[in-house]
Amino acid sequence: MEKKESPKPKFCDLTCEYAEWPKDKAMDGAGSCRTFQALHCRKIKRIVHKNGLCQA
């Protein structure tokens, strides 16, 4: 049976199955990427702006 992808969200946030906090440390110089609210998108394999338009 083929697995269907869930509908992609309009905005990137942690409700998306592909979104996760980045594992890199000190992305913004302060020791936490959460300062500028970035997420790692596993689908497109890059860092994206949290709450920005979905780029996948």
C-alpha atoms as a PDB file:
ATOM      1  CA  MET A   1       0.000   0.000   0.000  1.00  0.00           C
ATOM      2  CA  GLU A   2       1.315   3.442  -0.930  1.00  0.00           C
ATOM      3  CA  LYS A   3       1.840   5.997   1.846  1.00  0.00           C
ATOM      4  CA  LYS A   4       0.231   9.342   1.076  1.00  0.00           C
ATOM      5  CA  GLU A   5       1.905  12.559   2.167  1.00  0.00           C
ATOM      6  CA  SER A   6      -0.104  14.692   4.502  1.00  0.00           C
ATOM      7  CA  PRO A   7      -1.172  18.046   3.044  1.00  0.00           C
ATOM      8  CA  LYS A   8       1.673  20.512   3.248  1.00  0.00           C
ATOM      9  CA  PRO A   9       1.123  23.417   5.611  1.00  0.00           C
ATOM     10  CA  LYS A  10       0.814  26.920   4.267  1.00  0.00           C
ATOM     11  CA  PHE A  11       3.295  28.153   6.884  1.00  0.00           C
ATOM     12  CA  CYS A  12       6.342  26.429   8.310  1.00  0.00           C
ATOM     13  CA  ASP A  13       5.946  25.514  11.962  1.00  0.00           C
ATOM     14  CA  LEU A  14       6.403  22.521  14.230  1.00  0.00           C
ATOM     15  CA  THR A  15       3.023  21.047  13.269  1.00  0.00           C
ATOM     16  CA  CYS A  16       4.615  20.018   9.961  1.00  0.00           C
ATOM     17  CA  GLU A  17       5.892  16.442   9.939  1.00  0.00           C
ATOM     18  CA  TYR A  18       9.126  17.590   8.232  1.00  0.00           C
ATOM     19  CA  ALA A  19       9.964  20.433  10.661  1.00  0.00           C
ATOM     20  CA  GLU A  20      12.410  20.089  13.535  1.00  0.00           C
ATOM     21  CA  TRP A  21      14.685  22.319  15.571  1.00  0.00           C
ATOM     22  CA  PRO A  22      18.103  22.541  13.879  1.00  0.00           C
ATOM     23  CA  LYS A  23      20.777  20.389  15.462  1.00  0.00           C
ATOM     24  CA  ASP A  24      23.604  22.853  14.687  1.00  0.00           C
ATOM     25  CA  LYS A  25      24.753  24.922  17.647  1.00  0.00           C
ATOM     26  CA  ALA A  26      25.414  28.660  17.658  1.00  0.00           C
ATOM     27  CA  MET A  27      23.750  29.330  14.331  1.00  0.00           C
ATOM     28  CA  ASP A  28      23.127  32.940  15.332  1.00  0.00           C
ATOM     29  CA  GLY A  29      26.201  33.532  17.508  1.00  0.00           C
ATOM     30  CA  ALA A  30      24.159  33.364  20.706  1.00  0.00           C
ATOM     31  CA  GLY A  31      24.303  29.596  21.061  1.00  0.00           C
ATOM     32  CA  SER A  32      20.713  29.004  19.996  1.00  0.00           C
ATOM     33  CA  CYS A  33      18.989  29.118  16.646  1.00  0.00           C
ATOM     34  CA  ARG A  34      15.754  29.860  18.510  1.00  0.00           C
ATOM     35  CA  THR A  35      16.803  33.514  18.766  1.00  0.00           C
ATOM     36  CA  PHE A  36      15.723  34.058  15.183  1.00  0.00           C
ATOM     37  CA  GLN A  37      13.261  31.152  15.128  1.00  0.00           C
ATOM     38  CA  ALA A  38      14.688  28.902  12.449  1.00  0.00           C
ATOM     39  CA  LEU A  39      13.606  25.343  11.727  1.00  0.00           C
ATOM     40  CA  HIS A  40      15.221  22.568   9.774  1.00  0.00           C
ATOM     41  CA  CYS A  41      12.986  21.197   7.017  1.00  0.00           C
ATOM     42  CA  ARG A  42      13.745  17.512   6.468  1.00  0.00           C
ATOM     43  CA  LYS A  43      11.909  17.529   3.128  1.00  0.00           C
ATOM     44  CA  ILE A  44      14.070  20.198   1.460  1.00  0.00           C
ATOM     45  CA  LYS A  45      17.065  19.523   3.755  1.00  0.00           C
ATOM     46  CA  ARG A  46      17.763  23.115   4.774  1.00  0.00           C
ATOM     47  CA  ILE A  47      17.139  25.764   7.413  1.00  0.00           C
ATOM     48  CA  VAL A  48      13.973  27.829   6.934  1.00  0.00           C
ATOM     49  CA  HIS A  49      12.270  30.657   8.816  1.00  0.00           C
ATOM     50  CA  LYS A  50       9.756  29.460  11.381  1.00  0.00           C
ATOM     51  CA  ASN A  51       6.255  30.728  10.513  1.00  0.00           C
ATOM     52  CA  GLY A  52       7.431  31.684   7.012  1.00  0.00           C
ATOM     53  CA  LEU A  53       5.708  30.424   3.903  1.00  0.00           C
ATOM     54  CA  CYS A  54       6.265  26.730   3.274  1.00  0.00           C
ATOM     55  CA  GLN A  55       9.150  26.285   0.805  1.00  0.00           C
ATOM     56  CA  ALA A  56       8.711  22.547   0.271  1.00  0.00           C
END
